């Protein structure tokens, strides 16, 4: 990998490598000596996949839904009857049931939402279904409706984090906080929904909220003009992000300063072989002048606490 990074000329441009949560992949990034940033969307998918399996009552209802959907997918007669029932009830569109995929939790949500939407025609048809096919009772329908509302924000946030047309690292922290707030404030109407809510809050705290302590996510959120300090929730996390950005600016400035000094010395050494500079020219050389002027112009253009601190730290380096 290092060979390819050097070949492409990006070795000094890599801030972090985004991966899934597989241990071997994370170890590979660690060996490369780069910061690893687990994909937030993948982490969210793991959270939901694990939680949905940890609630037996809800998992059993999901299995029942799969059996019902599978029957309609395999039976043309049953599918046609469902279509006619929708027409009789003036549902409007000819909607089909959706089958979920075990590796994608949001497909289970789509399956649940479609079943809830077709609750009336499905319930009316249950009497004509084969006796071996288990149906849903009123309590189970209530659980589906309750859990669908609880899980909906997870789907919306997954879509936001999966975008490829804009940077998403700066929205991870505010989205995780928004998700935690939604789940905490949601009023469940069933015991199964409450159990699902409690499990989700626990997993969010374990796997998602720690993103606010990741330096790259902190810096990106703080530098995003839409969020700045407001996205962190507490002053301590906001201050931590602010100090992180200040320290990084100071480090970059120190690195640029050393580079300029080295280049200036090398230039002086190469010209001294041709002609010796006069004493007057020696006294007028100021390797800090360019940076002084840039920093002063920046402060005059827009003075902020961050820019003032930037200038103060720069003067300390001098």
Protein backbone atom coordinates (compact mmCIF):
# COMPACT_ATOMS: atom_id res chain seq x y z
CA UNK A 1 0.00 0.00 0.00
CA UNK A 2 2.81 2.40 0.85
CA UNK A 3 4.28 1.74 -2.60
CA UNK A 4 1.01 2.72 -4.28
CA UNK A 5 0.59 5.77 -2.04
CA UNK A 6 4.06 6.98 -3.05
CA UNK A 7 3.42 6.13 -6.69
CA UNK A 8 0.24 8.21 -6.67
CA UNK A 9 1.90 11.01 -4.69
CA UNK A 10 -0.66 11.01 -1.87
CA UNK A 11 1.35 9.70 1.10
CA UNK A 12 1.44 13.12 2.77
CA UNK A 13 -2.20 13.86 1.95
CA UNK A 14 -3.85 10.97 3.79
CA UNK A 15 -5.47 12.04 7.07
CA UNK A 16 -7.24 8.75 7.79
CA UNK A 17 -8.49 5.59 6.14
CA UNK A 18 -12.20 4.81 6.39
CA UNK A 19 -12.96 1.09 6.71
CA UNK A 20 -15.61 -1.28 7.94
CA UNK A 21 -15.37 -2.76 11.43
CA UNK A 22 -13.61 -6.02 10.53
CA UNK A 23 -10.66 -6.65 12.87
CA UNK A 24 -8.26 -7.68 10.06
CA UNK A 25 -8.97 -4.51 8.08
CA UNK A 26 -8.48 -2.30 11.14
CA UNK A 27 -5.19 -4.07 11.92
CA UNK A 28 -4.01 -3.49 8.35
CA UNK A 29 -4.59 0.25 8.70
CA UNK A 30 -2.78 0.23 12.04
CA UNK A 31 0.23 -1.46 10.42
CA UNK A 32 0.23 1.23 7.74
CA UNK A 33 0.49 3.76 10.60
CA UNK A 34 -2.55 5.77 9.55
CA UNK A 35 -5.56 6.79 11.63
CA UNK A 36 -8.47 4.41 11.17
CA UNK A 37 -11.97 5.87 11.00
CA UNK A 38 -14.67 3.18 11.10
CA UNK A 39 -17.49 3.82 8.64
CA UNK A 40 -20.36 5.32 10.65
CA UNK A 41 -23.00 3.89 8.30
CA UNK A 42 -21.53 0.40 8.63
CA UNK A 43 -21.35 0.75 12.42
CA UNK A 44 -24.99 1.85 12.45
CA UNK A 45 -25.93 -1.21 10.39
CA UNK A 46 -24.13 -3.48 12.87
CA UNK A 47 -25.90 -1.85 15.80
CA UNK A 48 -29.33 -2.46 14.30
CA UNK A 49 -28.51 -5.97 13.07
CA UNK A 50 -27.36 -7.01 16.55
CA UNK A 51 -30.18 -5.31 18.44
CA UNK A 52 -32.98 -6.72 16.30
CA UNK A 53 -31.69 -10.23 16.98
CA UNK A 54 -31.36 -9.55 20.72
CA UNK A 55 -35.11 -8.96 21.15
CA UNK A 56 -36.64 -12.46 20.74
CA UNK A 57 -40.26 -11.27 20.68
CA UNK A 58 -39.56 -8.79 17.90
CA UNK A 59 -37.32 -11.23 16.02
CA UNK A 60 -40.13 -13.81 16.02
CA UNK A 61 -42.54 -11.27 14.54
CA UNK A 62 -39.98 -10.46 11.83
CA UNK A 63 -39.76 -14.17 11.00
CA UNK A 64 -43.54 -14.33 10.72
CA UNK A 65 -43.49 -11.35 8.36
CA UNK A 66 -40.86 -13.08 6.21
CA UNK A 67 -43.06 -16.17 5.96
CA UNK A 68 -46.08 -14.11 4.91
CA UNK A 69 -44.13 -12.09 2.36
CA UNK A 70 -42.44 -15.23 1.05
CA UNK A 71 -45.84 -16.85 0.49
CA UNK A 72 -47.10 -13.91 -1.57
CA UNK A 73 -43.84 -13.76 -3.54
CA UNK A 74 -44.07 -17.43 -4.49
CA UNK A 75 -47.83 -17.63 -5.08
CA UNK A 76 -49.26 -15.83 -8.09
CA UNK A 77 -52.77 -16.60 -6.89
CA UNK A 78 -52.19 -15.04 -3.46
CA UNK A 79 -50.53 -11.99 -5.04
CA UNK A 80 -53.45 -11.46 -7.41
CA UNK A 81 -55.92 -11.77 -4.52
CA UNK A 82 -54.00 -9.12 -2.57
CA UNK A 83 -54.15 -6.80 -5.58
CA UNK A 84 -57.91 -7.30 -5.93
CA UNK A 85 -58.41 -6.74 -2.19
CA UNK A 86 -56.57 -3.41 -2.44
CA UNK A 87 -58.83 -2.39 -5.33
CA UNK A 88 -61.95 -3.32 -3.37
CA UNK A 89 -60.77 -1.30 -0.38
CA UNK A 90 -59.78 1.61 -2.63
CA UNK A 91 -56.22 1.60 -1.28
CA UNK A 92 -55.10 3.44 -4.39
CA UNK A 93 -51.82 2.12 -5.73
CA UNK A 94 -51.19 -1.54 -6.45
CA UNK A 95 -48.60 -2.15 -3.74
CA UNK A 96 -46.48 -5.28 -3.45
CA UNK A 97 -45.01 -6.74 -0.27
CA UNK A 98 -41.25 -6.35 0.16
CA UNK A 99 -38.88 -9.13 1.16
CA UNK A 100 -36.01 -8.22 3.48
CA UNK A 101 -32.34 -9.22 3.29
CA UNK A 102 -30.72 -10.62 6.43
CA UNK A 103 -27.52 -8.56 6.05
CA UNK A 104 -29.30 -5.20 5.68
CA UNK A 105 -31.43 -4.17 8.64
CA UNK A 106 -33.12 -1.34 6.72
CA UNK A 107 -34.62 -3.89 4.33
CA UNK A 108 -36.44 -5.34 7.37
CA UNK A 109 -37.80 -1.88 8.14
CA UNK A 110 -39.01 -1.49 4.55
CA UNK A 111 -40.72 -4.86 4.82
CA UNK A 112 -42.41 -3.85 8.09
CA UNK A 113 -43.54 -0.47 6.73
CA UNK A 114 -45.08 -2.06 3.65
CA UNK A 115 -46.91 -4.65 5.76
CA UNK A 116 -48.26 -1.94 8.06
CA UNK A 117 -49.40 0.01 5.00
CA UNK A 118 -51.22 -3.10 3.71
CA UNK A 119 -52.54 -4.11 7.13
CA UNK A 120 -56.24 -3.97 6.21
CA UNK A 121 -56.15 -5.96 2.95
CA UNK A 122 -53.70 -8.44 4.47
CA UNK A 123 -55.84 -8.94 7.58
CA UNK A 124 -58.90 -9.47 5.41
CA UNK A 125 -57.04 -12.10 3.38
CA UNK A 126 -55.59 -14.04 6.32
CA UNK A 127 -58.66 -16.31 6.47
CA UNK A 128 -57.94 -17.52 2.94
CA UNK A 129 -54.27 -18.22 3.55
CA UNK A 130 -53.08 -21.83 4.11
CA UNK A 131 -53.61 -23.09 7.65
CA UNK A 132 -49.89 -23.79 8.03
CA UNK A 133 -49.07 -20.09 7.47
CA UNK A 134 -48.98 -18.16 10.73
CA UNK A 135 -50.77 -14.81 10.74
CA UNK A 136 -50.37 -11.69 12.86
CA UNK A 137 -52.69 -10.86 15.75
CA UNK A 138 -53.67 -7.36 16.89
CA UNK A 139 -50.90 -7.16 19.47
CA UNK A 140 -48.26 -8.09 16.89
CA UNK A 141 -49.59 -5.47 14.47
CA UNK A 142 -49.28 -2.87 17.25
CA UNK A 143 -45.68 -3.96 17.88
CA UNK A 144 -44.84 -3.57 14.19
CA UNK A 145 -46.32 -0.07 14.06
CA UNK A 146 -44.57 0.94 17.28
CA UNK A 147 -41.13 -0.35 16.25
CA UNK A 148 -41.40 1.03 12.71
CA UNK A 149 -41.75 4.57 14.08
CA UNK A 150 -38.85 4.01 16.47
CA UNK A 151 -36.54 2.70 13.74
CA UNK A 152 -37.39 5.19 10.97
CA UNK A 153 -34.75 7.82 11.94
CA UNK A 154 -32.05 5.14 11.70
CA UNK A 155 -32.91 4.65 8.04
CA UNK A 156 -32.85 8.39 7.32
CA UNK A 157 -29.49 8.85 9.04
CA UNK A 158 -28.04 5.84 7.20
CA UNK A 159 -29.00 7.48 3.91
CA UNK A 160 -27.35 10.75 4.98
CA UNK A 161 -24.12 8.99 5.97
CA UNK A 162 -24.03 6.89 2.79
CA UNK A 163 -23.93 9.89 0.43
CA UNK A 164 -21.03 10.16 -2.00
CA UNK A 165 -21.57 13.68 -3.34
CA UNK A 166 -20.54 15.57 -0.19
CA UNK A 167 -18.28 15.17 2.83
CA UNK A 168 -19.95 13.25 5.65
CA UNK A 169 -17.31 13.13 8.40
CA UNK A 170 -18.45 16.49 9.79
CA UNK A 171 -22.06 15.37 10.18
CA UNK A 172 -21.37 12.16 12.11
CA UNK A 173 -21.29 13.76 15.57
CA UNK A 174 -24.45 15.91 15.19
CA UNK A 175 -26.34 13.01 13.61
CA UNK A 176 -25.38 10.61 16.42
CA UNK A 177 -26.54 13.14 19.00
CA UNK A 178 -29.81 13.68 17.10
CA UNK A 179 -30.35 9.92 16.94
CA UNK A 180 -29.74 9.49 20.65
CA UNK A 181 -32.18 12.31 21.41
CA UNK A 182 -34.90 10.85 19.20
CA UNK A 183 -34.67 7.38 20.73
CA UNK A 184 -34.61 8.80 24.27
CA UNK A 185 -37.70 10.94 23.70
CA UNK A 186 -39.77 8.39 21.76
CA UNK A 187 -42.81 7.19 23.70
CA UNK A 188 -43.28 3.46 23.16
CA UNK A 189 -46.77 1.99 23.28
CA UNK A 190 -45.79 -1.69 23.61
CA UNK A 191 -43.47 -3.61 25.97
CA UNK A 192 -41.55 -5.00 22.99
CA UNK A 193 -41.07 -1.48 21.66
CA UNK A 194 -39.75 -0.39 25.06
CA UNK A 195 -37.31 -3.31 25.14
CA UNK A 196 -36.11 -2.39 21.66
CA UNK A 197 -35.70 1.24 22.73
CA UNK A 198 -33.61 0.31 25.79
CA UNK A 199 -31.36 -1.97 23.74
CA UNK A 200 -30.86 0.70 21.07
CA UNK A 201 -29.89 3.33 23.64
CA UNK A 202 -27.32 0.97 25.13
CA UNK A 203 -25.73 0.15 21.78
CA UNK A 204 -25.76 3.79 20.66
CA UNK A 205 -23.83 4.70 23.80
CA UNK A 206 -21.35 1.88 23.25
CA UNK A 207 -20.66 2.13 19.52
CA UNK A 208 -21.87 5.43 18.12
CA UNK A 209 -21.47 8.16 20.74
CA UNK A 210 -17.67 7.47 21.03
CA UNK A 211 -17.36 9.09 17.58
CA UNK A 212 -17.44 12.47 19.33
CA UNK A 213 -14.05 11.63 20.87
CA UNK A 214 -12.39 10.85 17.54
CA UNK A 215 -10.02 13.71 16.63
CA UNK A 216 -10.80 13.75 12.92
CA UNK A 217 -14.56 13.83 13.47
CA UNK A 218 -14.15 16.50 16.15
CA UNK A 219 -12.03 18.77 13.94
CA UNK A 220 -14.27 18.31 10.90
CA UNK A 221 -17.40 19.13 12.89
CA UNK A 222 -15.84 22.18 14.53
CA UNK A 223 -14.62 23.52 11.18
CA UNK A 224 -17.99 22.99 9.49
CA UNK A 225 -19.60 26.47 9.47
CA UNK A 226 -23.02 24.89 9.91
CA UNK A 227 -22.14 23.43 13.30
CA UNK A 228 -18.99 24.81 14.96
CA UNK A 229 -19.40 24.45 18.74
CA UNK A 230 -23.14 23.91 18.65
CA UNK A 231 -22.88 20.29 17.46
CA UNK A 232 -21.07 18.90 20.50
CA UNK A 233 -23.77 19.22 23.10
CA UNK A 234 -21.46 20.02 26.01
CA UNK A 235 -18.93 22.83 26.39
CA UNK A 236 -16.18 20.40 27.37
CA UNK A 237 -16.37 18.49 24.06
CA UNK A 238 -16.62 21.75 22.10
CA UNK A 239 -13.54 23.15 23.87
CA UNK A 240 -11.69 19.89 23.25
CA UNK A 241 -12.40 20.17 19.52
CA UNK A 242 -11.40 23.85 19.47
CA UNK A 243 -8.07 23.10 21.18
CA UNK A 244 -7.48 20.24 18.76
CA UNK A 245 -7.84 22.58 15.78
CA UNK A 246 -5.63 25.22 17.39
CA UNK A 247 -2.89 22.71 18.14
CA UNK A 248 -3.02 21.34 14.59
CA UNK A 249 -2.73 24.84 13.14
CA UNK A 250 0.25 25.50 15.39
CA UNK A 251 1.90 22.25 14.31
CA UNK A 252 1.37 23.02 10.63
CA UNK A 253 2.74 26.52 11.07
CA UNK A 254 5.81 25.21 12.87
CA UNK A 255 6.41 22.71 10.05
CA UNK A 256 6.09 25.42 7.38
CA UNK A 257 8.42 27.68 9.33
CA UNK A 258 11.13 25.02 9.54
CA UNK A 259 10.73 24.31 5.83
CA UNK A 260 11.15 27.98 4.90
CA UNK A 261 14.20 28.32 7.15
CA UNK A 262 15.82 25.27 5.55
CA UNK A 263 15.11 26.53 2.03
CA UNK A 264 16.49 29.97 2.88
CA UNK A 265 19.71 28.50 4.30
CA UNK A 266 20.16 26.30 1.25
CA UNK A 267 19.61 29.24 -1.07
CA UNK A 268 22.16 31.26 0.88
CA UNK A 269 24.70 28.45 0.68
CA UNK A 270 24.28 28.10 -3.08
CA UNK A 271 24.69 31.83 -3.76
CA UNK A 272 27.66 32.22 -1.41
CA UNK A 273 29.69 30.07 -3.77
CA UNK A 274 29.25 32.75 -6.41
CA UNK A 275 29.23 35.97 -4.45
CA UNK A 276 29.40 36.85 -0.77
CA UNK A 277 26.39 38.88 0.42
CA UNK A 278 27.18 42.25 1.94
CA UNK A 279 26.85 42.99 5.65
CA UNK A 280 23.92 45.31 4.87
CA UNK A 281 21.98 42.55 3.06
CA UNK A 282 22.62 40.15 5.94
CA UNK A 283 21.08 42.49 8.48
CA UNK A 284 17.93 43.02 6.38
CA UNK A 285 17.09 39.34 5.90
CA UNK A 286 13.93 38.44 7.83
CA UNK A 287 12.68 34.91 7.30
CA UNK A 288 9.55 35.67 9.37
CA UNK A 289 8.38 38.66 7.37
CA UNK A 290 6.22 36.74 4.90
CA UNK A 291 4.42 34.86 7.65
CA UNK A 292 4.08 37.98 9.79
CA UNK A 293 2.38 39.82 6.96
CA UNK A 294 0.08 36.91 6.11
CA UNK A 295 -1.03 36.49 9.69
CA UNK A 296 -1.54 40.23 10.20
CA UNK A 297 -3.57 40.47 6.99
CA UNK A 298 -5.69 37.53 8.11
CA UNK A 299 -6.38 39.15 11.46
CA UNK A 300 -7.20 42.52 9.88
CA UNK A 301 -9.57 40.87 7.41
CA UNK A 302 -11.49 38.92 10.04
CA UNK A 303 -10.45 38.86 13.65
CA UNK A 304 -11.82 35.91 15.62
CA UNK A 305 -10.76 34.24 18.87
CA UNK A 306 -9.33 31.41 16.78
CA UNK A 307 -7.33 33.71 14.51
CA UNK A 308 -6.07 35.70 17.48
CA UNK A 309 -4.94 32.49 19.15
CA UNK A 310 -3.36 31.39 15.90
CA UNK A 311 -1.33 34.59 15.74
CA UNK A 312 -0.34 34.35 19.42
CA UNK A 313 0.85 30.79 18.99
CA UNK A 314 2.76 31.83 15.88
CA UNK A 315 4.53 34.59 17.80
CA UNK A 316 5.43 32.08 20.53
CA UNK A 317 7.09 29.88 17.92
CA UNK A 318 9.17 32.86 16.82
